[in-house]
Amino acid sequence: MLTKGISAVLSVVVSLWALSPAFAGAGADVQPEPKWQRLNGNWAVVNSELAETRSWTKSWNYYPLLDYNSVVSLNDLDGYKSIDLTMEVKKPSRDNPEAAVFFAVKSPEHNWFYYSYAVSFKGDQDGLNTVSLLKTSMKDETLKPTKKGNGFTVEIAAERCSIPYGKPFGLSIRIEEGKVSVFTGGKRLIQSVLPDKSIAGRIAIGGKNAPLRIKEISVSGSRPVFSDTFESDTIYAPKASGSLRPGNK
């Protein structure tokens, strides 16, 4: 009788453990936390890289970021002073290739990302030859963000550079004391005063007319703020059908 009683108790304990969340998830694949939202283009995490493979771009004529093949961080970031990443721009498929890193990305409503700064690299068929600091905004802030043709981009500063296609390069963006400085290989490419002293908001990656690869990225201030090594797929995949472009949650 005692043996049967102990067996019954053990059976109940094992059954309850099997129903617990810890046991239920033990055999299931752990899904990585999404970090990016795709806005435009064909993006995938492949071989520990964030890759855009469509290359050609479609203009939506809403906010400037949407006219790039682009991904944006899912969450707002604050308190950052540096953005470090490894980027590779493949041989362009069309004229006017461009690769850009956006920061201080903000929206007046939902996901209409009109406001941002960007470090942009442009080139020709031989290589990237110009680095510039851009600012994007709305022409008329009294209009609804759904109004087409109300976004614009202004170039704050530009310098010549020489970056070949098909070779990864380290890129460092430093934001402090009202200035932004851009470095690659320890060499400063450009420095300019920022119109806005306080920098906060999402980050984004964008490209036009050339395949783009990002191998790793980190954002930090007095502490780490954001990072992705692309060891797993961190692009948000909506469960329901429908597009996140333009401006939908």
C-alpha atoms as a PDB file:
ATOM      1  CA  MET A   1       0.000   0.000   0.000  1.00  0.00           C
ATOM      2  CA  LEU A   2       2.807   2.403   0.913  1.00  0.00           C
ATOM      3  CA  THR A   3       4.568   1.720  -2.386  1.00  0.00           C
ATOM      4  CA  LYS A   4       1.377   2.329  -4.354  1.00  0.00           C
ATOM      5  CA  GLY A   5       0.802   5.599  -2.493  1.00  0.00           C
ATOM      6  CA  ILE A   6       4.316   6.869  -3.242  1.00  0.00           C
ATOM      7  CA  SER A   7       3.914   5.928  -6.915  1.00  0.00           C
ATOM      8  CA  ALA A   8       0.656   7.844  -7.128  1.00  0.00           C
ATOM      9  CA  VAL A   9       2.219  10.955  -5.607  1.00  0.00           C
ATOM     10  CA  LEU A  10       5.184  10.769  -7.975  1.00  0.00           C
ATOM     11  CA  SER A  11       2.820  10.382 -10.915  1.00  0.00           C
ATOM     12  CA  VAL A  12       0.967  13.569  -9.958  1.00  0.00           C
ATOM     13  CA  VAL A  13       4.237  15.514  -9.459  1.00  0.00           C
ATOM     14  CA  VAL A  14       5.582  14.410 -12.853  1.00  0.00           C
ATOM     15  CA  SER A  15       2.294  15.321 -14.556  1.00  0.00           C
ATOM     16  CA  LEU A  16       2.285  18.816 -13.034  1.00  0.00           C
ATOM     17  CA  TRP A  17       5.936  19.372 -14.030  1.00  0.00           C
ATOM     18  CA  ALA A  18       5.162  18.315 -17.584  1.00  0.00           C
ATOM     19  CA  LEU A  19       2.461  20.969 -17.745  1.00  0.00           C
ATOM     20  CA  SER A  20       4.727  23.720 -16.428  1.00  0.00           C
ATOM     21  CA  PRO A  21       5.988  26.528 -18.800  1.00  0.00           C
ATOM     22  CA  ALA A  22       9.614  25.529 -18.202  1.00  0.00           C
ATOM     23  CA  PHE A  23       8.965  21.976 -19.384  1.00  0.00           C
ATOM     24  CA  ALA A  24       6.721  23.088 -22.230  1.00  0.00           C
ATOM     25  CA  GLY A  25       9.453  25.280 -23.677  1.00  0.00           C
ATOM     26  CA  ALA A  26      12.293  22.838 -23.062  1.00  0.00           C
ATOM     27  CA  GLY A  27      11.891  21.058 -26.356  1.00  0.00           C
ATOM     28  CA  ALA A  28      10.780  24.031 -28.411  1.00  0.00           C
ATOM     29  CA  ASP A  29      12.994  26.306 -30.442  1.00  0.00           C
ATOM     30  CA  VAL A  30      13.661  29.603 -28.692  1.00  0.00           C
ATOM     31  CA  GLN A  31      12.794  32.410 -31.073  1.00  0.00           C
ATOM     32  CA  PRO A  32      15.230  35.355 -31.168  1.00  0.00           C
ATOM     33  CA  GLU A  33      13.941  38.718 -30.038  1.00  0.00           C
ATOM     34  CA  PRO A  34      13.088  40.893 -33.075  1.00  0.00           C
ATOM     35  CA  LYS A  35      15.197  44.031 -33.360  1.00  0.00           C
ATOM     36  CA  TRP A  36      14.428  45.350 -36.866  1.00  0.00           C
ATOM     37  CA  GLN A  37      11.414  46.311 -38.917  1.00  0.00           C
ATOM     38  CA  ARG A  38      11.635  46.078 -42.692  1.00  0.00           C
ATOM     39  CA  LEU A  39      10.381  49.161 -44.509  1.00  0.00           C
ATOM     40  CA  ASN A  40      11.404  48.547 -48.114  1.00  0.00           C
ATOM     41  CA  GLY A  41      13.504  46.056 -50.080  1.00  0.00           C
ATOM     42  CA  ASN A  42      14.415  42.383 -49.660  1.00  0.00           C
ATOM     43  CA  TRP A  43      16.154  41.948 -46.297  1.00  0.00           C
ATOM     44  CA  ALA A  44      17.265  38.706 -44.661  1.00  0.00           C
ATOM     45  CA  VAL A  45      19.780  37.509 -42.096  1.00  0.00           C
ATOM     46  CA  VAL A  46      22.106  35.098 -43.923  1.00  0.00           C
ATOM     47  CA  ASN A  47      25.489  33.723 -42.822  1.00  0.00           C
ATOM     48  CA  SER A  48      25.625  36.089 -39.825  1.00  0.00           C
ATOM     49  CA  GLU A  49      24.957  39.125 -42.020  1.00  0.00           C
ATOM     50  CA  LEU A  50      22.044  41.461 -42.519  1.00  0.00           C
ATOM     51  CA  ALA A  51      21.696  41.422 -46.301  1.00  0.00           C
ATOM     52  CA  GLU A  52      19.651  43.431 -48.794  1.00  0.00           C
ATOM     53  CA  THR A  53      19.540  41.664 -52.122  1.00  0.00           C
ATOM     54  CA  ARG A  54      16.962  43.427 -54.282  1.00  0.00           C
ATOM     55  CA  SER A  55      19.263  46.383 -54.875  1.00  0.00           C
ATOM     56  CA  TRP A  56      16.967  48.478 -57.067  1.00  0.00           C
ATOM     57  CA  THR A  57      14.721  50.864 -55.193  1.00  0.00           C
ATOM     58  CA  LYS A  58      11.098  51.904 -55.425  1.00  0.00           C
ATOM     59  CA  SER A  59      10.144  55.488 -54.588  1.00  0.00           C
ATOM     60  CA  TRP A  60       7.020  55.838 -52.443  1.00  0.00           C
ATOM     61  CA  ASN A  61       7.277  59.648 -52.242  1.00  0.00           C
ATOM     62  CA  TYR A  62       6.304  59.793 -48.570  1.00  0.00           C
ATOM     63  CA  TYR A  63       9.172  60.135 -46.070  1.00  0.00           C
ATOM     64  CA  PRO A  64      12.754  59.920 -47.423  1.00  0.00           C
ATOM     65  CA  LEU A  65      13.774  56.791 -45.475  1.00  0.00           C
ATOM     66  CA  LEU A  66      11.070  54.808 -47.243  1.00  0.00           C
ATOM     67  CA  ASP A  67      12.676  55.587 -50.611  1.00  0.00           C
ATOM     68  CA  TYR A  68      15.669  53.475 -49.552  1.00  0.00           C
ATOM     69  CA  ASN A  69      15.735  49.722 -49.244  1.00  0.00           C
ATOM     70  CA  SER A  70      15.646  50.089 -45.487  1.00  0.00           C
ATOM     71  CA  VAL A  71      15.251  48.515 -42.073  1.00  0.00           C
ATOM     72  CA  VAL A  72      14.688  50.477 -38.855  1.00  0.00           C
ATOM     73  CA  SER A  73      15.183  49.418 -35.246  1.00  0.00           C
ATOM     74  CA  LEU A  74      11.936  48.292 -33.644  1.00  0.00           C
ATOM     75  CA  ASN A  75      12.426  50.499 -30.590  1.00  0.00           C
ATOM     76  CA  ASP A  76      13.466  54.054 -29.841  1.00  0.00           C
ATOM     77  CA  LEU A  77      17.006  54.457 -28.510  1.00  0.00           C
ATOM     78  CA  ASP A  78      18.222  57.128 -26.130  1.00  0.00           C
ATOM     79  CA  GLY A  79      21.485  58.281 -24.604  1.00  0.00           C
ATOM     80  CA  TYR A  80      23.757  57.116 -27.404  1.00  0.00           C
ATOM     81  CA  LYS A  81      26.955  58.786 -28.549  1.00  0.00           C
ATOM     82  CA  SER A  82      28.427  56.212 -30.910  1.00  0.00           C
ATOM     83  CA  ILE A  83      27.327  53.837 -33.648  1.00  0.00           C
ATOM     84  CA  ASP A  84      29.819  51.210 -34.815  1.00  0.00           C
ATOM     85  CA  LEU A  85      29.237  48.715 -37.597  1.00  0.00           C
ATOM     86  CA  THR A  86      30.880  46.703 -40.342  1.00  0.00           C
ATOM     87  CA  MET A  87      29.411  47.393 -43.764  1.00  0.00           C
ATOM     88  CA  GLU A  88      29.972  46.039 -47.240  1.00  0.00           C
ATOM     89  CA  VAL A  89      28.567  47.534 -50.431  1.00  0.00           C
ATOM     90  CA  LYS A  90      28.585  45.183 -53.400  1.00  0.00           C
ATOM     91  CA  LYS A  91      29.108  46.191 -57.023  1.00  0.00           C
ATOM     92  CA  PRO A  92      26.113  48.350 -57.987  1.00  0.00           C
ATOM     93  CA  SER A  93      23.475  47.007 -60.315  1.00  0.00           C
ATOM     94  CA  ARG A  94      22.418  50.475 -61.482  1.00  0.00           C
ATOM     95  CA  ASP A  95      23.640  54.063 -61.490  1.00  0.00           C
ATOM     96  CA  ASN A  96      23.667  56.305 -58.415  1.00  0.00           C
ATOM     97  CA  PRO A  97      24.401  53.681 -55.723  1.00  0.00           C
ATOM     98  CA  GLU A  98      24.086  54.764 -52.101  1.00  0.00           C
ATOM     99  CA  ALA A  99      24.427  53.275 -48.615  1.00  0.00           C
ATOM    100  CA  ALA A 100      23.347  55.142 -45.496  1.00  0.00           C
ATOM    101  CA  VAL A 101      23.187  54.804 -41.712  1.00  0.00           C
ATOM    102  CA  PHE A 102      20.327  56.767 -40.159  1.00  0.00           C
ATOM    103  CA  PHE A 103      20.087  57.906 -36.547  1.00  0.00           C
ATOM    104  CA  ALA A 104      17.718  60.022 -34.446  1.00  0.00           C
ATOM    105  CA  VAL A 105      14.915  58.543 -36.539  1.00  0.00           C
ATOM    106  CA  LYS A 106      11.566  59.864 -35.315  1.00  0.00           C
ATOM    107  CA  SER A 107       7.968  59.834 -36.413  1.00  0.00           C
ATOM    108  CA  PRO A 108       5.205  62.426 -35.956  1.00  0.00           C
ATOM    109  CA  GLU A 109       2.647  59.624 -35.980  1.00  0.00           C
ATOM    110  CA  HIS A 110       2.834  55.838 -35.906  1.00  0.00           C
ATOM    111  CA  ASN A 111       5.544  54.638 -38.324  1.00  0.00           C
ATOM    112  CA  TRP A 112       5.876  57.694 -40.562  1.00  0.00           C
ATOM    113  CA  PHE A 113       9.618  58.227 -40.102  1.00  0.00           C
ATOM    114  CA  TYR A 114      10.045  61.714 -41.542  1.00  0.00           C
ATOM    115  CA  TYR A 115      12.693  62.971 -39.098  1.00  0.00           C
ATOM    116  CA  SER A 116      16.251  61.680 -39.105  1.00  0.00           C
ATOM    117  CA  TYR A 117      19.930  62.302 -39.657  1.00  0.00           C
ATOM    118  CA  ALA A 118      22.021  60.083 -41.912  1.00  0.00           C
ATOM    119  CA  VAL A 119      25.612  59.381 -42.837  1.00  0.00           C
ATOM    120  CA  SER A 120      25.442  58.637 -46.554  1.00  0.00           C
ATOM    121  CA  PHE A 121      27.966  57.141 -48.981  1.00  0.00           C
ATOM    122  CA  LYS A 122      27.417  57.678 -52.700  1.00  0.00           C
ATOM    123  CA  GLY A 123      29.457  56.592 -55.684  1.00  0.00           C
ATOM    124  CA  ASP A 124      29.679  55.504 -59.291  1.00  0.00           C
ATOM    125  CA  GLN A 125      30.514  52.190 -60.940  1.00  0.00           C
ATOM    126  CA  ASP A 126      34.112  52.361 -59.666  1.00  0.00           C
ATOM    127  CA  GLY A 127      33.491  52.834 -55.948  1.00  0.00           C
ATOM    128  CA  LEU A 128      32.018  55.018 -53.214  1.00  0.00           C
ATOM    129  CA  ASN A 129      33.497  58.493 -53.560  1.00  0.00           C
ATOM    130  CA  THR A 130      31.383  60.879 -51.449  1.00  0.00           C
ATOM    131  CA  VAL A 131      30.403  60.851 -47.791  1.00  0.00           C
ATOM    132  CA  SER A 132      27.776  63.303 -46.581  1.00  0.00           C
ATOM    133  CA  LEU A 133      25.695  64.181 -43.552  1.00  0.00           C
ATOM    134  CA  LEU A 134      21.991  64.446 -44.330  1.00  0.00           C
ATOM    135  CA  LYS A 135      18.917  65.646 -42.460  1.00  0.00           C
ATOM    136  CA  THR A 136      15.387  64.582 -43.380  1.00  0.00           C
ATOM    137  CA  SER A 137      12.165  66.258 -42.299  1.00  0.00           C
ATOM    138  CA  MET A 138       8.671  67.393 -43.346  1.00  0.00           C
ATOM    139  CA  LYS A 139       8.086  70.355 -45.638  1.00  0.00           C
ATOM    140  CA  ASP A 140       4.791  71.293 -44.000  1.00  0.00           C
ATOM    141  CA  GLU A 141       4.215  69.945 -40.497  1.00  0.00           C
ATOM    142  CA  THR A 142       0.586  71.066 -40.512  1.00  0.00           C
ATOM    143  CA  LEU A 143      -0.240  68.388 -43.096  1.00  0.00           C
ATOM    144  CA  LYS A 144      -1.025  64.790 -42.263  1.00  0.00           C
ATOM    145  CA  PRO A 145       1.967  62.430 -42.629  1.00  0.00           C
ATOM    146  CA  THR A 146      -0.067  60.486 -45.183  1.00  0.00           C
ATOM    147  CA  LYS A 147       0.267  63.391 -47.609  1.00  0.00           C
ATOM    148  CA  LYS A 148       2.559  62.467 -50.495  1.00  0.00           C
ATOM    149  CA  GLY A 149       5.471  64.692 -51.500  1.00  0.00           C
ATOM    150  CA  ASN A 150       5.825  66.270 -48.060  1.00  0.00           C
ATOM    151  CA  GLY A 151       9.234  64.861 -47.152  1.00  0.00           C
ATOM    152  CA  PHE A 152      12.593  66.389 -48.007  1.00  0.00           C
ATOM    153  CA  THR A 153      16.321  65.831 -47.517  1.00  0.00           C
ATOM    154  CA  VAL A 154      18.960  68.511 -46.982  1.00  0.00           C
ATOM    155  CA  GLU A 155      22.717  67.957 -47.199  1.00  0.00           C
ATOM    156  CA  ILE A 156      24.488  69.461 -44.173  1.00  0.00           C
ATOM    157  CA  ALA A 157      28.064  68.649 -45.193  1.00  0.00           C
ATOM    158  CA  ALA A 158      29.956  66.518 -47.743  1.00  0.00           C
ATOM    159  CA  GLU A 159      33.508  65.325 -48.366  1.00  0.00           C
ATOM    160  CA  ARG A 160      35.297  63.147 -50.898  1.00  0.00           C
ATOM    161  CA  CYS A 161      36.207  59.583 -49.923  1.00  0.00           C
ATOM    162  CA  SER A 162      37.445  56.389 -51.531  1.00  0.00           C
ATOM    163  CA  ILE A 163      35.827  53.096 -50.533  1.00  0.00           C
ATOM    164  CA  PRO A 164      35.926  50.094 -52.893  1.00  0.00           C
ATOM    165  CA  TYR A 165      33.004  47.784 -53.548  1.00  0.00           C
ATOM    166  CA  GLY A 166      33.015  44.221 -52.280  1.00  0.00           C
ATOM    167  CA  LYS A 167      35.243  44.841 -49.250  1.00  0.00           C
ATOM    168  CA  PRO A 168      33.870  45.120 -45.690  1.00  0.00           C
ATOM    169  CA  PHE A 169      34.867  48.302 -43.868  1.00  0.00           C
ATOM    170  CA  GLY A 170      34.445  49.413 -40.282  1.00  0.00           C
ATOM    171  CA  LEU A 171      32.365  52.539 -39.803  1.00  0.00           C
ATOM    172  CA  SER A 172      32.264  54.604 -36.616  1.00  0.00           C
ATOM    173  CA  ILE A 173      29.865  57.500 -36.047  1.00  0.00           C
ATOM    174  CA  ARG A 174      30.570  59.686 -33.015  1.00  0.00           C
ATOM    175  CA  ILE A 175      27.919  62.084 -31.722  1.00  0.00           C
ATOM    176  CA  GLU A 176      28.928  64.443 -28.925  1.00  0.00           C
ATOM    177  CA  GLU A 177      29.115  68.105 -27.972  1.00  0.00           C
ATOM    178  CA  GLY A 178      26.750  69.054 -30.780  1.00  0.00           C
ATOM    179  CA  LYS A 179      28.933  67.493 -33.475  1.00  0.00           C
ATOM    180  CA  VAL A 180      28.955  64.316 -35.533  1.00  0.00           C
ATOM    181  CA  SER A 181      32.223  62.743 -36.718  1.00  0.00           C
ATOM    182  CA  VAL A 182      32.548  59.788 -39.076  1.00  0.00           C
ATOM    183  CA  PHE A 183      35.560  57.469 -39.102  1.00  0.00           C
ATOM    184  CA  THR A 184      36.668  54.411 -41.052  1.00  0.00           C
ATOM    185  CA  GLY A 185      39.931  52.594 -40.455  1.00  0.00           C
ATOM    186  CA  GLY A 186      40.827  55.163 -37.799  1.00  0.00           C
ATOM    187  CA  LYS A 187      40.648  57.995 -40.335  1.00  0.00           C
ATOM    188  CA  ARG A 188      38.125  60.789 -39.941  1.00  0.00           C
ATOM    189  CA  LEU A 189      36.131  61.225 -43.133  1.00  0.00           C
ATOM    190  CA  ILE A 190      33.836  64.095 -42.147  1.00  0.00           C
ATOM    191  CA  GLN A 191      32.831  66.223 -39.182  1.00  0.00           C
ATOM    192  CA  SER A 192      29.978  68.680 -38.866  1.00  0.00           C
ATOM    193  CA  VAL A 193      27.877  70.556 -36.339  1.00  0.00           C
ATOM    194  CA  LEU A 194      24.437  69.061 -35.722  1.00  0.00           C
ATOM    195  CA  PRO A 195      21.489  71.469 -35.790  1.00  0.00           C
ATOM    196  CA  ASP A 196      19.924  69.545 -32.884  1.00  0.00           C
ATOM    197  CA  LYS A 197      21.878  69.253 -29.641  1.00  0.00           C
ATOM    198  CA  SER A 198      19.848  66.382 -28.216  1.00  0.00           C
ATOM    199  CA  ILE A 199      20.008  63.148 -30.203  1.00  0.00           C
ATOM    200  CA  ALA A 200      17.557  60.316 -29.593  1.00  0.00           C
ATOM    201  CA  GLY A 201      15.410  58.011 -31.687  1.00  0.00           C
ATOM    202  CA  ARG A 202      15.686  54.847 -33.709  1.00  0.00           C
ATOM    203  CA  ILE A 203      18.517  53.850 -36.017  1.00  0.00           C
ATOM    204  CA  ALA A 204      18.108  52.566 -39.568  1.00  0.00           C
ATOM    205  CA  ILE A 205      20.096  51.127 -42.465  1.00  0.00           C
ATOM    206  CA  GLY A 206      19.319  52.041 -46.059  1.00  0.00           C
ATOM    207  CA  GLY A 207      20.652  51.415 -49.530  1.00  0.00           C
ATOM    208  CA  LYS A 208      19.928  52.238 -53.152  1.00  0.00           C
ATOM    209  CA  ASN A 209      20.913  50.449 -56.358  1.00  0.00           C
ATOM    210  CA  ALA A 210      23.595  48.221 -54.787  1.00  0.00           C
ATOM    211  CA  PRO A 211      23.475  45.048 -52.664  1.00  0.00           C
ATOM    212  CA  LEU A 212      24.264  45.845 -49.035  1.00  0.00           C
ATOM    213  CA  ARG A 213      25.649  43.767 -46.153  1.00  0.00           C
ATOM    214  CA  ILE A 214      25.904  44.603 -42.445  1.00  0.00           C
ATOM    215  CA  LYS A 215      28.021  42.199 -40.412  1.00  0.00           C
ATOM    216  CA  GLU A 216      27.551  43.633 -36.929  1.00  0.00           C
ATOM    217  CA  ILE A 217      26.354  46.824 -35.276  1.00  0.00           C
ATOM    218  CA  SER A 218      26.513  48.333 -31.800  1.00  0.00           C
ATOM    219  CA  VAL A 219      25.139  51.549 -30.333  1.00  0.00           C
ATOM    220  CA  SER A 220      26.372  52.918 -27.037  1.00  0.00           C
ATOM    221  CA  GLY A 221      26.656  55.948 -24.773  1.00  0.00           C
ATOM    222  CA  SER A 222      27.737  55.704 -21.159  1.00  0.00           C
ATOM    223  CA  ARG A 223      26.474  52.116 -21.458  1.00  0.00           C
ATOM    224  CA  PRO A 224      25.557  49.719 -24.291  1.00  0.00           C
ATOM    225  CA  VAL A 225      22.228  50.724 -25.826  1.00  0.00           C
ATOM    226  CA  PHE A 226      21.747  48.333 -28.763  1.00  0.00           C
ATOM    227  CA  SER A 227      23.679  45.613 -30.559  1.00  0.00           C
ATOM    228  CA  ASP A 228      23.191  42.896 -33.141  1.00  0.00           C
ATOM    229  CA  THR A 229      25.710  40.340 -34.406  1.00  0.00           C
ATOM    230  CA  PHE A 230      23.122  38.720 -36.715  1.00  0.00           C
ATOM    231  CA  GLU A 231      23.806  35.237 -35.396  1.00  0.00           C
ATOM    232  CA  SER A 232      20.041  34.729 -35.633  1.00  0.00           C
ATOM    233  CA  ASP A 233      17.174  36.236 -37.607  1.00  0.00           C
ATOM    234  CA  THR A 234      16.210  39.432 -35.781  1.00  0.00           C
ATOM    235  CA  ILE A 235      13.922  40.936 -38.453  1.00  0.00           C
ATOM    236  CA  TYR A 236      10.342  41.320 -37.249  1.00  0.00           C
ATOM    237  CA  ALA A 237       7.905  39.109 -39.133  1.00  0.00           C
ATOM    238  CA  PRO A 238       4.238  40.182 -38.824  1.00  0.00           C
ATOM    239  CA  LYS A 239       1.928  37.318 -37.851  1.00  0.00           C
ATOM    240  CA  ALA A 240      -0.986  38.806 -39.783  1.00  0.00           C
ATOM    241  CA  SER A 241      -0.903  39.417 -43.503  1.00  0.00           C
ATOM    242  CA  GLY A 242      -0.496  42.970 -44.713  1.00  0.00           C
ATOM    243  CA  SER A 243       2.251  45.515 -45.214  1.00  0.00           C
ATOM    244  CA  LEU A 244       4.067  47.667 -42.707  1.00  0.00           C
ATOM    245  CA  ARG A 245       4.563  50.242 -45.460  1.00  0.00           C
ATOM    246  CA  PRO A 246       3.968  52.996 -45.558  1.00  0.00           C
ATOM    247  CA  GLY A 247       3.293  54.101 -42.024  1.00  0.00           C
ATOM    248  CA  ASN A 248       1.245  51.180 -40.727  1.00  0.00           C
ATOM    249  CA  LYS A 249       1.910  49.702 -37.311  1.00  0.00           C
END
